[in-house]
């Protein structure tokens, strides 16, 4: 079936998480990606796209939801109850769709063999080794990875599709700011303590923004906040993020575990800000070393990289994102995956 026919006739369900609104007000990486896939498909002419998310979510597609607010925003909810209720309701409607695109991790796989509708799962990361067992027990379904580095050798992936970001709320600035910037989850995995060490060694001011996911870790890092060299401003929404990136000489992304994709890196480059990133996981796929930032192995290398930032052309940072990490790039690549799934499903019917 040609792509124009697919866009006109096939009914696609996009399953988003319900921790936050889709798209999120501030933090919410999986909700952001689910939103961008949905809006990207609509923009490319798909006529029958339904987003399953919280009731207050915003989309140009059809919206269906049963959870009023994300459970991270409404603490009266029990997260597991909201999760299972939401997924179960989607699966009850499975027969109304030609494909369910799951962006809600491993739990929907429990329903996969109980429905006739094919399901594509974008694996946004393996948060626990035990979770891999669930994926390994469901090798008869369809998977996409978000980077080549974040793959499990035992799983049958159809493709790698890089996450796409919305460039409309990321202003390109040819002139660099004066500050080092860290933003994202405040958790040991993301290496805020290393960013603080870089700021102290380089004597460069650091602005820290993000949602606190590990309070004890944050409290330890906060001992170094002084509103002069190192300043914490809390979580940022897209508009505040844009203002923050205007102040960035560069963004520090010194993750301590292999990165799965790293929306922060793409967003920063889209604004023209180079990224100094730990050379772990997908960072090598998102950052062009020496062109859109620098890949480093420790704090000293990160400090050294600050001295080389004037060799980076900020226009190259933006161009790299435009060519690889936009919503349209992502939606176009998912179109190819969908087309492949429909071809495989047709062959199954004929065999």
Protein backbone atom coordinates (compact mmCIF):
# COMPACT_ATOMS: atom_id res chain seq x y z
CA UNK A 1 0.00 0.00 0.00
CA UNK A 2 1.47 3.37 -0.97
CA UNK A 3 2.13 6.01 1.67
CA UNK A 4 -0.68 8.34 0.55
CA UNK A 5 -3.21 5.53 0.96
CA UNK A 6 -1.82 4.72 4.40
CA UNK A 7 -2.09 8.35 5.47
CA UNK A 8 -5.69 8.50 4.26
CA UNK A 9 -7.03 5.14 5.45
CA UNK A 10 -5.04 3.63 8.32
CA UNK A 11 -6.12 4.30 11.90
CA UNK A 12 -3.19 4.89 14.27
CA UNK A 13 -3.37 4.95 18.06
CA UNK A 14 -0.53 6.72 19.86
CA UNK A 15 -0.29 5.52 23.47
CA UNK A 16 1.34 8.12 25.73
CA UNK A 17 2.16 7.78 29.44
CA UNK A 18 0.01 9.51 32.04
CA UNK A 19 2.65 10.78 34.46
CA UNK A 20 2.34 14.26 32.96
CA UNK A 21 0.19 16.10 30.45
CA UNK A 22 0.99 15.45 26.78
CA UNK A 23 2.86 17.59 25.85
CA UNK A 24 4.22 18.26 29.34
CA UNK A 25 4.26 21.70 30.88
CA UNK A 26 7.91 21.25 31.86
CA UNK A 27 9.55 17.84 32.33
CA UNK A 28 8.13 14.70 30.70
CA UNK A 29 10.42 13.16 28.07
CA UNK A 30 8.20 10.27 26.96
CA UNK A 31 5.12 12.49 26.86
CA UNK A 32 7.11 14.97 24.75
CA UNK A 33 8.06 12.29 22.24
CA UNK A 34 4.52 10.86 22.09
CA UNK A 35 3.21 14.36 21.42
CA UNK A 36 5.79 15.05 18.73
CA UNK A 37 5.04 11.76 16.96
CA UNK A 38 1.32 12.55 16.99
CA UNK A 39 1.65 16.11 15.75
CA UNK A 40 4.27 15.05 13.20
CA UNK A 41 1.94 12.47 11.69
CA UNK A 42 -0.94 14.94 11.52
CA UNK A 43 1.33 17.50 9.83
CA UNK A 44 2.33 14.88 7.24
CA UNK A 45 -1.31 14.28 6.33
CA UNK A 46 -2.37 11.27 8.44
CA UNK A 47 -6.15 11.58 8.75
CA UNK A 48 -6.93 9.05 11.48
CA UNK A 49 -4.56 9.54 14.41
CA UNK A 50 -5.78 9.22 17.99
CA UNK A 51 -3.69 10.23 20.99
CA UNK A 52 -4.39 8.37 24.23
CA UNK A 53 -3.18 10.59 27.07
CA UNK A 54 -4.50 12.57 30.05
CA UNK A 55 -7.78 14.38 29.48
CA UNK A 56 -6.13 17.80 29.62
CA UNK A 57 -3.59 16.94 26.91
CA UNK A 58 -3.32 19.09 23.79
CA UNK A 59 -3.23 17.76 20.23
CA UNK A 60 -4.40 18.36 16.68
CA UNK A 61 -5.28 14.66 16.48
CA UNK A 62 -8.28 13.08 18.20
CA UNK A 63 -7.72 12.93 21.96
CA UNK A 64 -9.05 10.13 24.15
CA UNK A 65 -8.34 9.97 27.88
CA UNK A 66 -9.71 8.72 31.17
CA UNK A 67 -7.16 10.17 33.60
CA UNK A 68 -7.89 13.82 34.41
CA UNK A 69 -4.32 14.90 35.27
CA UNK A 70 -0.94 13.21 35.26
CA UNK A 71 -0.22 11.31 38.45
CA UNK A 72 3.00 13.31 38.94
CA UNK A 73 0.89 16.48 38.93
CA UNK A 74 -1.98 15.07 40.98
CA UNK A 75 -0.42 13.28 43.94
CA UNK A 76 -3.80 11.94 45.10
CA UNK A 77 -3.49 9.25 42.43
CA UNK A 78 -1.79 5.88 42.84
CA UNK A 79 0.59 5.77 39.84
CA UNK A 80 0.22 2.04 39.15
CA UNK A 81 -3.59 2.24 39.24
CA UNK A 82 -3.66 5.17 36.81
CA UNK A 83 -1.16 3.41 34.54
CA UNK A 84 -2.98 0.09 34.37
CA UNK A 85 -6.42 1.70 34.05
CA UNK A 86 -5.23 3.89 31.16
CA UNK A 87 -3.52 1.06 29.28
CA UNK A 88 -6.40 -1.34 29.85
CA UNK A 89 -8.88 1.15 28.39
CA UNK A 90 -6.72 1.60 25.30
CA UNK A 91 -6.54 -2.15 24.78
CA UNK A 92 -10.32 -2.46 25.08
CA UNK A 93 -10.50 -0.15 22.04
CA UNK A 94 -7.72 -1.94 20.13
CA UNK A 95 -10.09 -3.30 17.48
CA UNK A 96 -10.84 0.22 16.27
CA UNK A 97 -7.25 0.70 15.06
CA UNK A 98 -4.90 -0.71 12.46
CA UNK A 99 -1.83 -0.09 14.64
CA UNK A 100 -1.12 0.84 18.26
CA UNK A 101 2.11 2.76 18.72
CA UNK A 102 3.13 2.18 22.32
CA UNK A 103 5.25 4.84 24.03
CA UNK A 104 4.46 3.53 27.52
CA UNK A 105 7.26 1.05 28.14
CA UNK A 106 6.75 -2.64 28.89
CA UNK A 107 3.32 -2.89 30.58
CA UNK A 108 1.27 -2.80 27.32
CA UNK A 109 3.17 -5.90 26.19
CA UNK A 110 1.11 -7.87 28.72
CA UNK A 111 -1.92 -7.22 26.47
CA UNK A 112 -0.15 -7.71 23.14
CA UNK A 113 -1.15 -11.35 22.64
CA UNK A 114 -4.72 -10.68 23.75
CA UNK A 115 -5.49 -8.26 20.93
CA UNK A 116 -5.51 -8.68 17.16
CA UNK A 117 -4.23 -5.19 16.38
CA UNK A 118 -0.46 -5.08 15.80
CA UNK A 119 1.51 -3.04 18.31
CA UNK A 120 4.75 -1.13 17.79
CA UNK A 121 6.72 -0.36 20.93
CA UNK A 122 9.28 2.40 20.96
CA UNK A 123 11.74 1.38 23.68
CA UNK A 124 12.69 4.62 25.42
CA UNK A 125 15.20 2.83 27.64
CA UNK A 126 15.63 -0.17 29.88
CA UNK A 127 15.22 1.22 33.39
CA UNK A 128 15.79 -2.15 35.06
CA UNK A 129 17.45 -5.39 34.04
CA UNK A 130 14.38 -7.33 35.15
CA UNK A 131 12.27 -5.33 32.68
CA UNK A 132 14.36 -6.73 29.84
CA UNK A 133 12.89 -10.14 30.65
CA UNK A 134 9.46 -8.86 29.66
CA UNK A 135 10.78 -7.66 26.30
CA UNK A 136 12.64 -10.92 25.75
CA UNK A 137 9.41 -12.86 26.30
CA UNK A 138 7.67 -10.79 23.61
CA UNK A 139 9.92 -11.17 20.59
CA UNK A 140 6.90 -11.74 18.34
CA UNK A 141 5.97 -8.05 18.36
CA UNK A 142 7.49 -4.93 16.76
CA UNK A 143 10.22 -2.77 18.34
CA UNK A 144 11.99 0.47 17.52
CA UNK A 145 15.07 1.80 19.33
CA UNK A 146 15.74 5.52 19.85
CA UNK A 147 19.49 5.15 19.25
CA UNK A 148 21.77 2.45 17.91
CA UNK A 149 23.64 2.37 21.21
CA UNK A 150 20.49 1.72 23.25
CA UNK A 151 19.75 -1.71 21.84
CA UNK A 152 19.53 -5.19 23.31
CA UNK A 153 21.18 -7.79 21.09
CA UNK A 154 18.37 -10.29 21.69
CA UNK A 155 15.50 -8.12 20.45
CA UNK A 156 14.22 -7.97 16.84
CA UNK A 157 14.18 -4.24 16.08
CA UNK A 158 12.59 -2.94 12.90
CA UNK A 159 14.61 0.29 12.94
CA UNK A 160 16.26 3.01 14.96
CA UNK A 161 14.23 6.22 14.92
CA UNK A 162 15.85 9.22 16.58
CA UNK A 163 13.60 11.42 18.68
CA UNK A 164 12.44 14.62 17.02
CA UNK A 165 12.06 18.00 18.70
CA UNK A 166 9.82 21.00 18.08
CA UNK A 167 11.97 23.77 16.62
CA UNK A 168 9.18 26.35 16.88
CA UNK A 169 9.92 26.98 20.57
CA UNK A 170 13.72 26.91 20.31
CA UNK A 171 15.14 30.22 19.13
CA UNK A 172 18.46 30.02 17.31
CA UNK A 173 20.95 32.54 18.65
CA UNK A 174 24.18 33.16 16.79
CA UNK A 175 25.70 34.94 19.79
CA UNK A 176 26.80 32.83 22.74
CA UNK A 177 25.75 33.59 26.29
CA UNK A 178 28.08 33.86 29.27
CA UNK A 179 27.05 30.88 31.39
CA UNK A 180 27.45 27.16 31.59
CA UNK A 181 24.01 25.54 31.72
CA UNK A 182 22.75 22.26 33.13
CA UNK A 183 19.11 21.30 32.70
CA UNK A 184 17.14 18.07 32.90
CA UNK A 185 16.45 15.51 35.60
CA UNK A 186 18.34 16.14 38.82
CA UNK A 187 19.47 12.61 39.48
CA UNK A 188 22.93 10.99 39.79
CA UNK A 189 22.50 9.52 36.29
CA UNK A 190 22.59 13.01 34.77
CA UNK A 191 25.81 14.12 36.49
CA UNK A 192 24.91 17.47 38.05
CA UNK A 193 27.73 16.93 40.56
CA UNK A 194 30.17 16.74 37.64
CA UNK A 195 28.75 19.93 36.10
CA UNK A 196 29.28 21.67 39.45
CA UNK A 197 32.88 20.45 39.55
CA UNK A 198 33.44 21.77 36.02
CA UNK A 199 32.09 25.18 37.03
CA UNK A 200 34.31 25.29 40.11
CA UNK A 201 37.45 24.26 38.21
CA UNK A 202 36.83 26.59 35.28
CA UNK A 203 35.51 29.41 37.48
CA UNK A 204 32.64 29.77 35.02
CA UNK A 205 29.09 30.58 36.25
CA UNK A 206 26.66 27.66 36.06
CA UNK A 207 22.86 27.88 35.89
CA UNK A 208 21.07 24.71 37.00
CA UNK A 209 17.47 23.96 35.99
CA UNK A 210 15.40 20.83 36.31
CA UNK A 211 13.01 18.62 38.18
CA UNK A 212 14.30 16.97 41.36
CA UNK A 213 14.11 13.19 41.09
CA UNK A 214 16.51 12.33 43.90
CA UNK A 215 16.08 14.63 46.90
CA UNK A 216 19.13 13.41 48.81
CA UNK A 217 21.31 13.87 45.74
CA UNK A 218 19.87 17.33 45.14
CA UNK A 219 20.46 18.33 48.77
CA UNK A 220 24.10 17.31 48.48
CA UNK A 221 24.52 19.28 45.25
CA UNK A 222 22.68 22.26 46.74
CA UNK A 223 25.51 22.78 49.24
CA UNK A 224 27.38 24.35 46.33
CA UNK A 225 24.59 26.70 45.19
CA UNK A 226 25.45 30.31 46.01
CA UNK A 227 23.55 32.38 43.42
CA UNK A 228 26.91 33.71 42.20
CA UNK A 229 28.98 30.95 40.66
CA UNK A 230 26.26 28.28 40.77
CA UNK A 231 22.54 29.16 40.69
CA UNK A 232 19.50 26.85 40.79
CA UNK A 233 16.31 28.11 39.11
CA UNK A 234 14.03 25.03 39.35
CA UNK A 235 12.10 23.32 36.53
CA UNK A 236 11.64 25.19 33.26
CA UNK A 237 8.79 25.08 30.74
CA UNK A 238 9.52 25.47 26.99
CA UNK A 239 9.41 29.28 27.11
CA UNK A 240 11.69 29.42 30.15
CA UNK A 241 14.02 26.87 28.55
CA UNK A 242 14.33 29.10 25.51
CA UNK A 243 15.32 32.03 27.73
CA UNK A 244 17.75 29.82 29.61
CA UNK A 245 19.49 28.66 26.44
CA UNK A 246 19.91 32.30 25.39
CA UNK A 247 22.27 32.61 28.36
CA UNK A 248 24.28 29.51 27.48
CA UNK A 249 27.90 29.58 26.44
CA UNK A 250 27.40 25.82 26.33
CA UNK A 251 25.30 23.10 27.93
CA UNK A 252 26.90 20.47 30.16
CA UNK A 253 25.50 16.95 29.74
CA UNK A 254 27.86 14.82 31.80
CA UNK A 255 25.69 11.75 32.23
CA UNK A 256 27.16 8.97 34.37
CA UNK A 257 25.40 6.09 32.58
CA UNK A 258 25.02 5.45 28.84
CA UNK A 259 22.57 8.00 27.42
CA UNK A 260 19.57 6.53 25.61
CA UNK A 261 18.95 9.48 23.32
CA UNK A 262 19.20 12.80 25.14
CA UNK A 263 16.56 15.38 24.16
CA UNK A 264 18.55 18.01 26.07
CA UNK A 265 21.45 17.71 23.63
CA UNK A 266 19.27 18.15 20.55
CA UNK A 267 17.32 21.03 22.11
CA UNK A 268 20.53 22.82 23.10
CA UNK A 269 22.05 22.47 19.64
CA UNK A 270 18.80 23.71 18.09
CA UNK A 271 19.24 26.95 20.03
CA UNK A 272 22.82 27.18 18.78
CA UNK A 273 24.39 26.14 22.08
CA UNK A 274 27.24 23.61 21.85
CA UNK A 275 27.05 20.64 24.21
CA UNK A 276 29.88 19.19 26.26
CA UNK A 277 28.73 15.62 26.82
CA UNK A 278 30.07 12.48 28.41
CA UNK A 279 31.09 9.99 25.72
CA UNK A 280 28.57 7.39 26.84
CA UNK A 281 25.73 5.75 24.95
CA UNK A 282 23.94 7.83 22.33
CA UNK A 283 25.91 11.04 22.95
CA UNK A 284 28.19 10.07 20.05
CA UNK A 285 25.12 9.73 17.80
CA UNK A 286 23.54 13.06 18.78
CA UNK A 287 26.63 15.26 19.13
CA UNK A 288 29.05 15.65 16.23
CA UNK A 289 32.31 15.80 18.16
CA UNK A 290 34.21 19.00 17.42
CA UNK A 291 31.37 20.39 15.31
CA UNK A 292 28.29 20.70 17.56
CA UNK A 293 30.05 20.15 20.86
CA UNK A 294 32.66 17.94 22.49
CA UNK A 295 32.60 14.40 23.82
CA UNK A 296 34.62 14.02 27.01
CA UNK A 297 35.60 11.30 29.45
CA UNK A 298 36.04 13.26 32.67
CA UNK A 299 35.80 16.65 34.36
CA UNK A 300 39.26 17.77 33.29
CA UNK A 301 38.46 17.09 29.64
CA UNK A 302 35.21 19.04 30.05
CA UNK A 303 37.12 22.02 31.47
CA UNK A 304 39.56 21.79 28.57
CA UNK A 305 36.65 21.69 26.10
CA UNK A 306 35.32 25.00 27.43
CA UNK A 307 38.50 26.59 26.13
CA UNK A 308 37.74 25.28 22.63
CA UNK A 309 34.15 26.47 22.35
CA UNK A 310 35.14 29.34 20.09
CA UNK A 311 35.95 26.76 17.39
CA UNK A 312 32.26 25.74 17.21
CA UNK A 313 30.06 27.40 14.61
CA UNK A 314 26.68 27.78 16.28
CA UNK A 315 24.94 27.64 12.90
CA UNK A 316 26.35 24.13 12.46
CA UNK A 317 24.66 23.14 15.72
CA UNK A 318 21.26 24.23 14.43
CA UNK A 319 21.81 22.71 10.99
CA UNK A 320 22.74 19.34 12.51
CA UNK A 321 19.42 19.26 14.37
CA UNK A 322 17.42 20.40 11.34
CA UNK A 323 18.89 17.55 9.30
CA UNK A 324 18.50 14.80 11.89
CA UNK A 325 16.33 15.51 14.91
CA UNK A 326 13.18 17.41 13.92
CA UNK A 327 9.60 16.28 14.39
CA UNK A 328 9.26 15.89 10.63
CA UNK A 329 12.41 13.71 10.42
CA UNK A 330 11.05 11.48 13.18
CA UNK A 331 7.52 11.26 11.75
CA UNK A 332 8.89 10.47 8.30
CA UNK A 333 10.97 7.62 9.69
CA UNK A 334 7.99 6.26 11.63
CA UNK A 335 5.96 6.32 8.42
CA UNK A 336 8.50 3.92 6.94
CA UNK A 337 8.23 1.67 10.01
CA UNK A 338 4.43 1.68 9.86
CA UNK A 339 4.52 0.83 6.16
CA UNK A 340 6.86 -2.09 6.89
CA UNK A 341 4.56 -3.37 9.65
CA UNK A 342 1.51 -3.26 7.40
CA UNK A 343 3.43 -5.16 4.72
CA UNK A 344 4.48 -7.81 7.23
CA UNK A 345 0.94 -8.10 8.57
CA UNK A 346 -0.40 -8.55 5.06
CA UNK A 347 2.07 -11.36 4.44
CA UNK A 348 0.92 -13.06 7.65
CA UNK A 349 -2.67 -12.99 6.42
CA UNK A 350 -1.68 -14.52 3.11
CA UNK A 351 0.45 -17.30 4.60
